[in-house]
Every structure is written in C-alpha cells, then in structure tokens.
Amino acid sequence: MKRKSNPKKLCRQEEIGIRVLTGTVFDIRRFSIHDGPGIRTTVFMKGCPLECQWCHNPEGKSRMKELMVRLSRCICCGVCEETCPQGAVSRPGNVIKIDREKCNLCGLCAENCYAETLELVGYEITEAELIDQLQKDQVFYDQSGGGVTFSGGEPMLQVRFLTSMLETCQRMNIPTVVDTSGYASWSSFEAVRAYTDLFLYDLKVIDDSLHRKYTGVSNDRILHNLVKLSRTGHKIIVRMPVIPGVNDDRKNILEAGSFLSRLPALEYLELLAYHTIGTEKYKGLDQAYILKDLNPPLEENMLEIVQTLEDFGLQVKYGGS
C-alpha cells in the first residue's frame, strides 16, 4: 500500500535540511535486536545484485514492486477475486492463484484482503517520511545504545538515498549500521562510510567458483572491498551463513579463517546457521526454492566450525557463544 505524505511534516523536516529524496523499501522493522547493538529499527531496502539460493527474503531481490501471497493466512472469503479489475486472481480449489501476466500491481486485492493474505511488497518512501518513523523510537536507541540499520536486499544499490539518510541520522544523533553483501563499487563505500558507525559485512562463500554457483556473482569485488574497508580502521562485524553442503566443508572454513585472520580490523565474526524460515515466501511469489530439501546444520557441526575459526585467533559468535 502506498504511504501518503504529510505536507506539514515534510515542510518542517525540509527546514532542518532534509532533502526530498526517495528510496524503495519492502519492510521497516521496529524493535529489532539482531541487526546491530541495542534496540534498532531495521530498514529493508529493495533490490539485490546477488541471487543467493538460501535467501530468506526473496521479496528483497527485485527493485520492482511485487504481489506476494501468504496462503497460510487465507480465510477463503473470495474478496480478492471479486476485487481484481484485471481478472488476475482466481481461486481453484480455494487456493489463490495470481496470473502475473494480467496483474498490473494496482494493489486493490491487497488493500481489500481482510486476512492480509495478499501483500504488495515494495513502496517508495521519502527521506522525510522515513526520518519521521525513526524518530519515534529515539528514546529506545538512546537507552539501549541502538539506532537504525539499513539492510536489504542490498542498501548500496540505492547509494544516493542511503548516503543522505545516513548523514541525516548522524546529524540527529541516531547511530547507524549498514548491513551489506559487499557487492558494490568502492566509491559507494567511500560515500557511506563517513556516516556509518558499523558495517555488518556478509561473507557467503570464500571459493569464487562456488560463490558464482550459489549467488550468481563473483566474490572478487566483495573480498577486495572488505580488505580495503578493514584497512580504513572502520568497525566491521563479518557475518557468515553456514549452509550445509555449500560452505560448511573444512576447506572453505579453513580458507575463510585464514582470510579473516589477516584483516587489519575486525570486531568479530558471527556465524548464522541456515534455516528454512521464509521458504513460504517463494511460493507466495511463484518462485522456486532450490534448496527445499536442505536441513539446518547440526549443533555439533556448528560448534566444530566455531572451534576451527577460533584457532585462527578470531573472536567468533554463534547463538549463545
């Protein structure tokens, strides 16, 4: 659903120097505790250059708006089918089907869905509107050492909006974190790092050929940017997903440990165990989930990986560790 601007708020915020820029986001999550220190608001920006096969936010990959169906919420009322002016919604066997060739993303079906089964994912938001939302929780940021985290997708894809937002947040004493895949130009990093307190930097797979296979892109730029960013002395937390059969073999773990241990500056390494949360979203977007038969890693395997990486002198965090 498109957010409506409040002209009075826009005028007031323009007076304190907030430029009228827009970004595309797909979610704004308040009271987040997993995307940096303290209590945070995480802004999920839409669009990503990677196609990670395990991604749990597939609605964040495309820069375009998308209609997503959450079938588990459906109450079979039929309003979506009755509302659609394009005849793009049908319900064979009381299961919602979207004809994506007919659908023009008008959003009427989502607006009229009582159960919020249908969701139009992705909307434009101005810098002023976003700042207004962030300020609501400033007292929690101040008390907990939290702030705002820009995630995605890949926030660097919208570097102009991102940089302006970061600059404004710092001017308003809201601490900033950027959660990035690292797949961006170095000039983008140069633009944002002056206004970023901490980077959450993803390291998917250390082997380039496997990285290409499972994410669709080379990791050369990602590793190069990580080294350069580390040399600036900036605060960095590297986050590495552990995907069974993809990057959890001893060779990859040893190479990752060797690479990370040579970085000049690193707060710590955080391991993120693969999970299946979010697989329903693929069905809701009519996309195939390639790793549907993959199970999360065993606890004993995760602890072994932690020990291997700690042997390189790295501080490693996983779960309660």
C-alpha atoms as a PDB file:
ATOM      1  CA  MET A   1       0.000   0.000   0.000  1.00  0.00           C
ATOM      2  CA  LYS A   2       1.404   3.393  -0.933  1.00  0.00           C
ATOM      3  CA  ARG A   3       2.267   5.604   2.029  1.00  0.00           C
ATOM      4  CA  LYS A   4       0.766   9.106   1.991  1.00  0.00           C
ATOM      5  CA  SER A   5       2.983  12.074   2.768  1.00  0.00           C
ATOM      6  CA  ASN A   6       2.149  14.566   5.485  1.00  0.00           C
ATOM      7  CA  PRO A   7       2.838  18.006   3.915  1.00  0.00           C
ATOM      8  CA  LYS A   8       3.291  19.697   7.302  1.00  0.00           C
ATOM      9  CA  LYS A   9       5.894  17.167   8.386  1.00  0.00           C
ATOM     10  CA  LEU A  10       7.671  17.386   5.046  1.00  0.00           C
ATOM     11  CA  CYS A  11       7.888  21.172   5.284  1.00  0.00           C
ATOM     12  CA  ARG A  12       9.114  21.047   8.876  1.00  0.00           C
ATOM     13  CA  GLN A  13      11.805  18.492   8.065  1.00  0.00           C
ATOM     14  CA  GLU A  14      12.917  20.326   4.949  1.00  0.00           C
ATOM     15  CA  GLU A  15      13.521  23.345   7.188  1.00  0.00           C
ATOM     16  CA  ILE A  16      16.178  21.393   9.137  1.00  0.00           C
ATOM     17  CA  GLY A  17      17.953  20.360   5.976  1.00  0.00           C
ATOM     18  CA  ILE A  18      16.378  17.034   4.973  1.00  0.00           C
ATOM     19  CA  ARG A  19      16.370  16.780   1.184  1.00  0.00           C
ATOM     20  CA  VAL A  20      13.384  15.377  -0.701  1.00  0.00           C
ATOM     21  CA  LEU A  21      14.803  12.052  -1.840  1.00  0.00           C
ATOM     22  CA  THR A  22      13.003   8.744  -2.178  1.00  0.00           C
ATOM     23  CA  GLY A  23      14.084   5.173  -1.656  1.00  0.00           C
ATOM     24  CA  THR A  24      12.393   1.833  -2.259  1.00  0.00           C
ATOM     25  CA  VAL A  25      11.889  -0.339   0.821  1.00  0.00           C
ATOM     26  CA  PHE A  26       9.964  -3.529   1.493  1.00  0.00           C
ATOM     27  CA  ASP A  27       9.841  -3.504   5.277  1.00  0.00           C
ATOM     28  CA  ILE A  28      10.637  -1.334   8.290  1.00  0.00           C
ATOM     29  CA  ARG A  29      11.036  -3.430  11.412  1.00  0.00           C
ATOM     30  CA  ARG A  30      10.976  -1.699  14.793  1.00  0.00           C
ATOM     31  CA  PHE A  31      12.490  -3.094  17.999  1.00  0.00           C
ATOM     32  CA  SER A  32      14.976  -5.300  16.167  1.00  0.00           C
ATOM     33  CA  ILE A  33      17.734  -6.834  18.319  1.00  0.00           C
ATOM     34  CA  HIS A  34      19.593  -8.920  15.726  1.00  0.00           C
ATOM     35  CA  ASP A  35      20.937  -6.288  13.322  1.00  0.00           C
ATOM     36  CA  GLY A  36      23.490  -4.467  15.439  1.00  0.00           C
ATOM     37  CA  PRO A  37      23.822  -3.297  19.048  1.00  0.00           C
ATOM     38  CA  GLY A  38      20.877  -2.310  21.225  1.00  0.00           C
ATOM     39  CA  ILE A  39      17.277  -1.803  20.152  1.00  0.00           C
ATOM     40  CA  ARG A  40      17.147  -0.857  16.495  1.00  0.00           C
ATOM     41  CA  THR A  41      14.878  -0.060  13.601  1.00  0.00           C
ATOM     42  CA  THR A  42      15.884  -2.099  10.561  1.00  0.00           C
ATOM     43  CA  VAL A  43      15.065  -0.593   7.176  1.00  0.00           C
ATOM     44  CA  PHE A  44      14.938  -3.256   4.468  1.00  0.00           C
ATOM     45  CA  MET A  45      15.770  -1.653   1.129  1.00  0.00           C
ATOM     46  CA  LYS A  46      14.564  -3.362  -2.040  1.00  0.00           C
ATOM     47  CA  GLY A  47      16.861  -4.744  -4.699  1.00  0.00           C
ATOM     48  CA  CYS A  48      19.918  -7.003  -4.569  1.00  0.00           C
ATOM     49  CA  PRO A  49      22.619  -7.887  -7.143  1.00  0.00           C
ATOM     50  CA  LEU A  50      23.051 -11.375  -5.652  1.00  0.00           C
ATOM     51  CA  GLU A  51      20.795 -14.393  -6.125  1.00  0.00           C
ATOM     52  CA  CYS A  52      21.674 -16.391  -3.008  1.00  0.00           C
ATOM     53  CA  GLN A  53      19.888 -19.725  -3.216  1.00  0.00           C
ATOM     54  CA  TRP A  54      19.233 -19.730   0.555  1.00  0.00           C
ATOM     55  CA  CYS A  55      17.931 -16.151   0.790  1.00  0.00           C
ATOM     56  CA  HIS A  56      15.124 -15.855   3.360  1.00  0.00           C
ATOM     57  CA  ASN A  57      13.929 -12.501   1.980  1.00  0.00           C
ATOM     58  CA  PRO A  58      13.254 -13.224  -1.714  1.00  0.00           C
ATOM     59  CA  GLU A  59      10.911 -10.227  -1.809  1.00  0.00           C
ATOM     60  CA  GLY A  60      14.000  -8.062  -1.367  1.00  0.00           C
ATOM     61  CA  LYS A  61      15.783  -9.194  -4.533  1.00  0.00           C
ATOM     62  CA  SER A  62      13.908  -7.216  -7.195  1.00  0.00           C
ATOM     63  CA  ARG A  63      13.817  -3.409  -7.243  1.00  0.00           C
ATOM     64  CA  MET A  64      10.244  -3.613  -8.541  1.00  0.00           C
ATOM     65  CA  LYS A  65       7.008  -3.905  -6.586  1.00  0.00           C
ATOM     66  CA  GLU A  66       5.726  -7.476  -6.271  1.00  0.00           C
ATOM     67  CA  LEU A  67       2.496  -9.122  -5.180  1.00  0.00           C
ATOM     68  CA  MET A  68       3.113 -11.784  -2.554  1.00  0.00           C
ATOM     69  CA  VAL A  69       0.560 -14.339  -1.342  1.00  0.00           C
ATOM     70  CA  ARG A  70       0.727 -15.835   2.160  1.00  0.00           C
ATOM     71  CA  LEU A  71      -1.552 -18.843   1.723  1.00  0.00           C
ATOM     72  CA  SER A  72      -1.433 -19.855   5.393  1.00  0.00           C
ATOM     73  CA  ARG A  73      -3.404 -16.695   6.250  1.00  0.00           C
ATOM     74  CA  CYS A  74      -6.180 -17.193   3.690  1.00  0.00           C
ATOM     75  CA  ILE A  75      -9.746 -17.456   5.060  1.00  0.00           C
ATOM     76  CA  CYS A  76     -11.253 -18.267   1.640  1.00  0.00           C
ATOM     77  CA  CYS A  77     -13.550 -15.226   1.616  1.00  0.00           C
ATOM     78  CA  GLY A  78     -13.152 -14.610  -2.126  1.00  0.00           C
ATOM     79  CA  VAL A  79     -12.843 -10.818  -1.844  1.00  0.00           C
ATOM     80  CA  CYS A  80      -9.523 -10.777  -3.707  1.00  0.00           C
ATOM     81  CA  GLU A  81     -11.044 -12.465  -6.753  1.00  0.00           C
ATOM     82  CA  GLU A  82     -14.072 -10.150  -6.697  1.00  0.00           C
ATOM     83  CA  THR A  83     -11.940  -7.024  -6.308  1.00  0.00           C
ATOM     84  CA  CYS A  84      -9.317  -7.533  -9.030  1.00  0.00           C
ATOM     85  CA  PRO A  85     -10.226  -5.343 -12.047  1.00  0.00           C
ATOM     86  CA  GLN A  86      -7.843  -7.274 -14.316  1.00  0.00           C
ATOM     87  CA  GLY A  87      -9.237 -10.732 -13.577  1.00  0.00           C
ATOM     88  CA  ALA A  88      -5.747 -11.760 -12.457  1.00  0.00           C
ATOM     89  CA  VAL A  89      -6.871 -13.517  -9.261  1.00  0.00           C
ATOM     90  CA  SER A  90      -8.529 -16.928  -9.273  1.00  0.00           C
ATOM     91  CA  ARG A  91      -9.187 -19.499  -6.551  1.00  0.00           C
ATOM     92  CA  PRO A  92      -9.205 -23.036  -7.962  1.00  0.00           C
ATOM     93  CA  GLY A  93      -9.905 -25.358  -5.044  1.00  0.00           C
ATOM     94  CA  ASN A  94      -9.958 -22.305  -2.743  1.00  0.00           C
ATOM     95  CA  VAL A  95      -6.227 -21.772  -3.357  1.00  0.00           C
ATOM     96  CA  ILE A  96      -5.300 -18.275  -4.558  1.00  0.00           C
ATOM     97  CA  LYS A  97      -3.580 -18.143  -7.937  1.00  0.00           C
ATOM     98  CA  ILE A  98      -2.187 -14.975  -9.498  1.00  0.00           C
ATOM     99  CA  ASP A  99      -1.942 -14.594 -13.266  1.00  0.00           C
ATOM    100  CA  ARG A 100       1.171 -12.428 -13.236  1.00  0.00           C
ATOM    101  CA  GLU A 101       0.795 -11.624 -16.935  1.00  0.00           C
ATOM    102  CA  LYS A 102      -2.554  -9.957 -16.227  1.00  0.00           C
ATOM    103  CA  CYS A 103      -1.660  -8.413 -12.859  1.00  0.00           C
ATOM    104  CA  ASN A 104      -0.714  -4.722 -13.114  1.00  0.00           C
ATOM    105  CA  LEU A 105       0.208  -4.414  -9.405  1.00  0.00           C
ATOM    106  CA  CYS A 106      -2.610  -1.965  -8.672  1.00  0.00           C
ATOM    107  CA  GLY A 107      -2.789  -3.383  -5.140  1.00  0.00           C
ATOM    108  CA  LEU A 108      -6.584  -3.421  -4.826  1.00  0.00           C
ATOM    109  CA  CYS A 109      -6.666  -7.098  -3.882  1.00  0.00           C
ATOM    110  CA  ALA A 110      -4.161  -6.490  -1.074  1.00  0.00           C
ATOM    111  CA  GLU A 111      -5.973  -3.378   0.170  1.00  0.00           C
ATOM    112  CA  ASN A 112      -9.253  -5.285   0.451  1.00  0.00           C
ATOM    113  CA  CYS A 113      -7.901  -8.542   1.884  1.00  0.00           C
ATOM    114  CA  TYR A 114      -9.225  -8.839   5.457  1.00  0.00           C
ATOM    115  CA  ALA A 115      -6.701 -11.523   6.431  1.00  0.00           C
ATOM    116  CA  GLU A 116      -3.709  -9.736   4.854  1.00  0.00           C
ATOM    117  CA  THR A 117      -3.066 -12.805   2.735  1.00  0.00           C
ATOM    118  CA  LEU A 118      -2.045 -10.652  -0.218  1.00  0.00           C
ATOM    119  CA  GLU A 119       0.682  -8.066   0.173  1.00  0.00           C
ATOM    120  CA  LEU A 120       2.027  -5.564  -2.322  1.00  0.00           C
ATOM    121  CA  VAL A 121       5.716  -5.670  -1.454  1.00  0.00           C
ATOM    122  CA  GLY A 122       7.839  -2.593  -2.062  1.00  0.00           C
ATOM    123  CA  TYR A 123       6.989   1.083  -1.846  1.00  0.00           C
ATOM    124  CA  GLU A 124       8.604   4.460  -2.283  1.00  0.00           C
ATOM    125  CA  ILE A 125       9.338   6.455   0.848  1.00  0.00           C
ATOM    126  CA  THR A 126      10.802   9.926   1.167  1.00  0.00           C
ATOM    127  CA  GLU A 127      13.721  10.705   3.409  1.00  0.00           C
ATOM    128  CA  ALA A 128      11.458  12.931   5.500  1.00  0.00           C
ATOM    129  CA  GLU A 129       8.855  10.192   5.961  1.00  0.00           C
ATOM    130  CA  LEU A 130      11.489   7.670   6.985  1.00  0.00           C
ATOM    131  CA  ILE A 131      13.160  10.016   9.455  1.00  0.00           C
ATOM    132  CA  ASP A 132       9.737  10.669  10.981  1.00  0.00           C
ATOM    133  CA  GLN A 133       9.339   6.925  11.596  1.00  0.00           C
ATOM    134  CA  LEU A 134      12.837   6.509  13.007  1.00  0.00           C
ATOM    135  CA  GLN A 135      12.431   9.354  15.476  1.00  0.00           C
ATOM    136  CA  LYS A 136       9.511   7.580  17.162  1.00  0.00           C
ATOM    137  CA  ASP A 137      11.961   5.212  18.859  1.00  0.00           C
ATOM    138  CA  GLN A 138      14.825   7.603  19.580  1.00  0.00           C
ATOM    139  CA  VAL A 139      14.358   7.176  23.335  1.00  0.00           C
ATOM    140  CA  PHE A 140      14.928   3.411  22.955  1.00  0.00           C
ATOM    141  CA  TYR A 141      18.034   3.994  20.847  1.00  0.00           C
ATOM    142  CA  ASP A 142      19.415   6.343  23.500  1.00  0.00           C
ATOM    143  CA  GLN A 143      18.713   3.995  26.405  1.00  0.00           C
ATOM    144  CA  SER A 144      19.960   0.787  24.744  1.00  0.00           C
ATOM    145  CA  GLY A 145      22.815   2.003  22.565  1.00  0.00           C
ATOM    146  CA  GLY A 146      20.749   1.145  19.492  1.00  0.00           C
ATOM    147  CA  GLY A 147      19.897   3.035  16.328  1.00  0.00           C
ATOM    148  CA  VAL A 148      18.974   2.356  12.717  1.00  0.00           C
ATOM    149  CA  THR A 149      20.241  -0.448  10.480  1.00  0.00           C
ATOM    150  CA  PHE A 150      19.935  -0.239   6.704  1.00  0.00           C
ATOM    151  CA  SER A 151      19.640  -3.736   5.296  1.00  0.00           C
ATOM    152  CA  GLY A 152      18.080  -5.355   2.264  1.00  0.00           C
ATOM    153  CA  GLY A 153      18.298  -6.557  -0.308  1.00  0.00           C
ATOM    154  CA  GLU A 154      21.454  -4.560  -0.781  1.00  0.00           C
ATOM    155  CA  PRO A 155      21.208  -0.984   0.512  1.00  0.00           C
ATOM    156  CA  MET A 156      24.238   0.077  -1.558  1.00  0.00           C
ATOM    157  CA  LEU A 157      22.110  -0.263  -4.708  1.00  0.00           C
ATOM    158  CA  GLN A 158      20.364   2.931  -3.590  1.00  0.00           C
ATOM    159  CA  VAL A 159      23.549   4.667  -2.534  1.00  0.00           C
ATOM    160  CA  ARG A 160      22.356   8.257  -3.023  1.00  0.00           C
ATOM    161  CA  PHE A 161      19.306   7.772  -0.810  1.00  0.00           C
ATOM    162  CA  LEU A 162      21.323   5.670   1.638  1.00  0.00           C
ATOM    163  CA  THR A 163      24.114   8.230   1.986  1.00  0.00           C
ATOM    164  CA  SER A 164      21.685  11.076   2.537  1.00  0.00           C
ATOM    165  CA  MET A 165      19.761   9.073   5.143  1.00  0.00           C
ATOM    166  CA  LEU A 166      22.941   8.139   6.995  1.00  0.00           C
ATOM    167  CA  GLU A 167      24.125  11.736   7.022  1.00  0.00           C
ATOM    168  CA  THR A 168      20.781  12.950   8.354  1.00  0.00           C
ATOM    169  CA  CYS A 169      20.659  10.231  11.019  1.00  0.00           C
ATOM    170  CA  GLN A 170      24.087  11.184  12.296  1.00  0.00           C
ATOM    171  CA  ARG A 171      23.113  14.846  12.358  1.00  0.00           C
ATOM    172  CA  MET A 172      20.125  13.857  14.501  1.00  0.00           C
ATOM    173  CA  ASN A 173      22.254  11.655  16.805  1.00  0.00           C
ATOM    174  CA  ILE A 174      20.794   8.353  15.571  1.00  0.00           C
ATOM    175  CA  PRO A 175      23.614   5.737  15.427  1.00  0.00           C
ATOM    176  CA  THR A 176      23.909   3.985  12.061  1.00  0.00           C
ATOM    177  CA  VAL A 177      24.668   0.481  10.799  1.00  0.00           C
ATOM    178  CA  VAL A 178      24.858  -0.697   7.185  1.00  0.00           C
ATOM    179  CA  ASP A 179      24.254  -4.404   6.500  1.00  0.00           C
ATOM    180  CA  THR A 180      25.861  -5.179   3.139  1.00  0.00           C
ATOM    181  CA  SER A 181      26.790  -8.050   0.852  1.00  0.00           C
ATOM    182  CA  GLY A 182      29.869  -6.059  -0.128  1.00  0.00           C
ATOM    183  CA  TYR A 183      28.952  -6.276  -3.803  1.00  0.00           C
ATOM    184  CA  ALA A 184      29.170  -2.580  -4.631  1.00  0.00           C
ATOM    185  CA  SER A 185      31.663  -0.118  -6.058  1.00  0.00           C
ATOM    186  CA  TRP A 186      34.357   1.157  -3.736  1.00  0.00           C
ATOM    187  CA  SER A 187      33.112   4.676  -4.454  1.00  0.00           C
ATOM    188  CA  SER A 188      29.808   3.655  -2.842  1.00  0.00           C
ATOM    189  CA  PHE A 189      31.662   2.544   0.277  1.00  0.00           C
ATOM    190  CA  GLU A 190      33.604   5.798   0.271  1.00  0.00           C
ATOM    191  CA  ALA A 191      30.325   7.717   0.122  1.00  0.00           C
ATOM    192  CA  VAL A 192      28.626   5.956   3.025  1.00  0.00           C
ATOM    193  CA  ARG A 193      31.418   5.107   5.433  1.00  0.00           C
ATOM    194  CA  ALA A 194      31.829   8.675   6.714  1.00  0.00           C
ATOM    195  CA  TYR A 195      28.281   8.477   8.108  1.00  0.00           C
ATOM    196  CA  THR A 196      28.269   4.811   9.188  1.00  0.00           C
ATOM    197  CA  ASP A 197      29.185   3.713  12.710  1.00  0.00           C
ATOM    198  CA  LEU A 198      29.335  -0.007  11.955  1.00  0.00           C
ATOM    199  CA  PHE A 199      29.240  -2.322   8.949  1.00  0.00           C
ATOM    200  CA  LEU A 200      27.648  -5.770   9.077  1.00  0.00           C
ATOM    201  CA  TYR A 201      29.518  -7.398   6.206  1.00  0.00           C
ATOM    202  CA  ASP A 202      28.334 -10.683   4.707  1.00  0.00           C
ATOM    203  CA  LEU A 203      30.845 -13.325   3.669  1.00  0.00           C
ATOM    204  CA  LYS A 204      28.896 -16.034   1.855  1.00  0.00           C
ATOM    205  CA  VAL A 205      31.445 -18.420   0.313  1.00  0.00           C
ATOM    206  CA  ILE A 206      35.218 -17.967   0.145  1.00  0.00           C
ATOM    207  CA  ASP A 207      35.709 -20.073  -3.007  1.00  0.00           C
ATOM    208  CA  ASP A 208      34.965 -17.921  -6.053  1.00  0.00           C
ATOM    209  CA  SER A 209      33.622 -20.698  -8.298  1.00  0.00           C
ATOM    210  CA  LEU A 210      31.211 -21.850  -5.583  1.00  0.00           C
ATOM    211  CA  HIS A 211      30.249 -18.253  -4.881  1.00  0.00           C
ATOM    212  CA  ARG A 212      29.328 -17.823  -8.545  1.00  0.00           C
ATOM    213  CA  LYS A 213      27.351 -21.072  -8.485  1.00  0.00           C
ATOM    214  CA  TYR A 214      25.271 -20.272  -5.410  1.00  0.00           C
ATOM    215  CA  THR A 215      24.922 -16.471  -5.604  1.00  0.00           C
ATOM    216  CA  GLY A 216      25.263 -15.742  -9.323  1.00  0.00           C
ATOM    217  CA  VAL A 217      28.241 -13.376  -8.964  1.00  0.00           C
ATOM    218  CA  SER A 218      31.980 -13.487  -8.310  1.00  0.00           C
ATOM    219  CA  ASN A 219      33.187 -12.704  -4.796  1.00  0.00           C
ATOM    220  CA  ASP A 220      36.310 -10.877  -6.021  1.00  0.00           C
ATOM    221  CA  ARG A 221      34.798  -7.417  -5.510  1.00  0.00           C
ATOM    222  CA  ILE A 222      33.332  -8.469  -2.149  1.00  0.00           C
ATOM    223  CA  LEU A 223      36.670  -9.656  -0.764  1.00  0.00           C
ATOM    224  CA  HIS A 224      38.550  -6.697  -2.240  1.00  0.00           C
ATOM    225  CA  ASN A 225      36.147  -4.204  -0.656  1.00  0.00           C
ATOM    226  CA  LEU A 226      36.322  -5.978   2.701  1.00  0.00           C
ATOM    227  CA  VAL A 227      40.120  -5.724   2.761  1.00  0.00           C
ATOM    228  CA  LYS A 228      40.049  -2.036   1.786  1.00  0.00           C
ATOM    229  CA  LEU A 229      37.332  -1.233   4.316  1.00  0.00           C
ATOM    230  CA  SER A 230      39.239  -3.027   7.053  1.00  0.00           C
ATOM    231  CA  ARG A 231      42.370  -1.023   6.275  1.00  0.00           C
ATOM    232  CA  THR A 232      40.463   2.191   6.987  1.00  0.00           C
ATOM    233  CA  GLY A 233      40.035   1.013  10.586  1.00  0.00           C
ATOM    234  CA  HIS A 234      36.244   1.115  10.331  1.00  0.00           C
ATOM    235  CA  LYS A 235      34.211  -1.041  12.717  1.00  0.00           C
ATOM    236  CA  ILE A 236      33.203  -4.255  10.922  1.00  0.00           C
ATOM    237  CA  ILE A 237      31.345  -7.357  12.021  1.00  0.00           C
ATOM    238  CA  VAL A 238      31.588 -10.114   9.417  1.00  0.00           C
ATOM    239  CA  ARG A 239      28.548 -12.373   9.247  1.00  0.00           C
ATOM    240  CA  MET A 240      28.876 -15.763   7.592  1.00  0.00           C
ATOM    241  CA  PRO A 241      25.906 -18.038   6.910  1.00  0.00           C
ATOM    242  CA  VAL A 242      26.631 -21.728   7.405  1.00  0.00           C
ATOM    243  CA  ILE A 243      24.914 -23.638   4.603  1.00  0.00           C
ATOM    244  CA  PRO A 244      25.281 -27.455   4.731  1.00  0.00           C
ATOM    245  CA  GLY A 245      26.835 -28.806   1.554  1.00  0.00           C
ATOM    246  CA  VAL A 246      27.623 -25.314   0.283  1.00  0.00           C
ATOM    247  CA  ASN A 247      30.176 -23.637   2.541  1.00  0.00           C
ATOM    248  CA  ASP A 248      30.497 -25.799   5.665  1.00  0.00           C
ATOM    249  CA  ASP A 249      33.263 -28.101   4.409  1.00  0.00           C
ATOM    250  CA  ARG A 250      36.633 -27.958   6.144  1.00  0.00           C
ATOM    251  CA  LYS A 251      38.414 -26.447   3.123  1.00  0.00           C
ATOM    252  CA  ASN A 252      36.061 -23.461   2.946  1.00  0.00           C
ATOM    253  CA  ILE A 253      36.144 -22.915   6.718  1.00  0.00           C
ATOM    254  CA  LEU A 254      39.951 -23.017   6.811  1.00  0.00           C
ATOM    255  CA  GLU A 255      40.239 -20.610   3.884  1.00  0.00           C
ATOM    256  CA  ALA A 256      37.695 -18.260   5.464  1.00  0.00           C
ATOM    257  CA  GLY A 257      39.558 -18.350   8.772  1.00  0.00           C
ATOM    258  CA  SER A 258      42.880 -17.659   7.088  1.00  0.00           C
ATOM    259  CA  PHE A 259      41.457 -14.739   5.099  1.00  0.00           C
ATOM    260  CA  LEU A 260      39.626 -13.115   8.012  1.00  0.00           C
ATOM    261  CA  SER A 261      42.533 -13.500  10.430  1.00  0.00           C
ATOM    262  CA  ARG A 262      44.667 -11.314   8.154  1.00  0.00           C
ATOM    263  CA  LEU A 263      42.248  -8.373   8.174  1.00  0.00           C
ATOM    264  CA  PRO A 264      43.691  -5.345   9.992  1.00  0.00           C
ATOM    265  CA  ALA A 265      40.405  -4.540  11.751  1.00  0.00           C
ATOM    266  CA  LEU A 266      37.524  -6.847  12.639  1.00  0.00           C
ATOM    267  CA  GLU A 267      35.218  -6.607  15.648  1.00  0.00           C
ATOM    268  CA  TYR A 268      34.253 -10.268  15.455  1.00  0.00           C
ATOM    269  CA  LEU A 269      32.836 -12.980  13.190  1.00  0.00           C
ATOM    270  CA  GLU A 270      29.205 -14.017  13.593  1.00  0.00           C
ATOM    271  CA  LEU A 271      28.023 -17.372  12.276  1.00  0.00           C
ATOM    272  CA  LEU A 272      24.430 -17.637  11.075  1.00  0.00           C
ATOM    273  CA  ALA A 273      23.090 -21.178  10.849  1.00  0.00           C
ATOM    274  CA  TYR A 274      20.983 -21.916   7.769  1.00  0.00           C
ATOM    275  CA  HIS A 275      17.244 -22.055   8.463  1.00  0.00           C
ATOM    276  CA  THR A 276      14.097 -22.667   6.452  1.00  0.00           C
ATOM    277  CA  ILE A 277      12.177 -19.612   7.689  1.00  0.00           C
ATOM    278  CA  GLY A 278      10.986 -17.723   4.662  1.00  0.00           C
ATOM    279  CA  THR A 279      10.511 -20.635   2.278  1.00  0.00           C
ATOM    280  CA  GLU A 280       6.762 -19.886   2.141  1.00  0.00           C
ATOM    281  CA  LYS A 281       7.611 -16.524   0.591  1.00  0.00           C
ATOM    282  CA  TYR A 282       8.968 -18.246  -2.513  1.00  0.00           C
ATOM    283  CA  LYS A 283       5.612 -19.952  -3.045  1.00  0.00           C
ATOM    284  CA  GLY A 284       3.889 -16.634  -2.482  1.00  0.00           C
ATOM    285  CA  LEU A 285       5.968 -15.038  -5.236  1.00  0.00           C
ATOM    286  CA  ASP A 286       5.624 -18.052  -7.575  1.00  0.00           C
ATOM    287  CA  GLN A 287       9.363 -18.658  -7.368  1.00  0.00           C
ATOM    288  CA  ALA A 288      11.167 -21.978  -6.970  1.00  0.00           C
ATOM    289  CA  TYR A 289      13.140 -22.602  -3.771  1.00  0.00           C
ATOM    290  CA  ILE A 290      16.119 -24.614  -4.976  1.00  0.00           C
ATOM    291  CA  LEU A 291      17.321 -25.759  -1.536  1.00  0.00           C
ATOM    292  CA  LYS A 292      13.932 -27.096  -0.417  1.00  0.00           C
ATOM    293  CA  ASP A 293      15.404 -30.448   0.677  1.00  0.00           C
ATOM    294  CA  LEU A 294      18.217 -28.915   2.727  1.00  0.00           C
ATOM    295  CA  ASN A 295      18.157 -29.224   6.520  1.00  0.00           C
ATOM    296  CA  PRO A 296      19.734 -26.801   9.026  1.00  0.00           C
ATOM    297  CA  PRO A 297      23.237 -27.709  10.271  1.00  0.00           C
ATOM    298  CA  LEU A 298      23.608 -29.885  13.357  1.00  0.00           C
ATOM    299  CA  GLU A 299      24.616 -28.147  16.577  1.00  0.00           C
ATOM    300  CA  GLU A 300      27.740 -30.303  16.896  1.00  0.00           C
ATOM    301  CA  ASN A 301      28.850 -29.271  13.397  1.00  0.00           C
ATOM    302  CA  MET A 302      28.332 -25.598  14.214  1.00  0.00           C
ATOM    303  CA  LEU A 303      30.425 -25.876  17.380  1.00  0.00           C
ATOM    304  CA  GLU A 304      33.194 -27.636  15.452  1.00  0.00           C
ATOM    305  CA  ILE A 305      33.228 -24.785  12.914  1.00  0.00           C
ATOM    306  CA  VAL A 306      33.375 -22.246  15.752  1.00  0.00           C
ATOM    307  CA  GLN A 307      36.415 -24.023  17.215  1.00  0.00           C
ATOM    308  CA  THR A 308      38.174 -24.218  13.848  1.00  0.00           C
ATOM    309  CA  LEU A 309      37.739 -20.489  13.287  1.00  0.00           C
ATOM    310  CA  GLU A 310      38.747 -19.607  16.842  1.00  0.00           C
ATOM    311  CA  ASP A 311      42.002 -21.474  16.240  1.00  0.00           C
ATOM    312  CA  PHE A 312      42.882 -18.645  13.829  1.00  0.00           C
ATOM    313  CA  GLY A 313      42.652 -16.181  16.711  1.00  0.00           C
ATOM    314  CA  LEU A 314      39.239 -14.902  15.632  1.00  0.00           C
ATOM    315  CA  GLN A 315      36.500 -13.922  18.053  1.00  0.00           C
ATOM    316  CA  VAL A 316      33.515 -15.963  16.899  1.00  0.00           C
ATOM    317  CA  LYS A 317      29.913 -15.557  17.986  1.00  0.00           C
ATOM    318  CA  TYR A 318      27.223 -18.149  17.397  1.00  0.00           C
ATOM    319  CA  GLY A 319      23.990 -18.482  19.335  1.00  0.00           C
ATOM    320  CA  GLY A 320      24.825 -18.020  23.000  1.00  0.00           C
ATOM    321  CA  SER A 321      28.589 -18.087  22.482  1.00  0.00           C
END
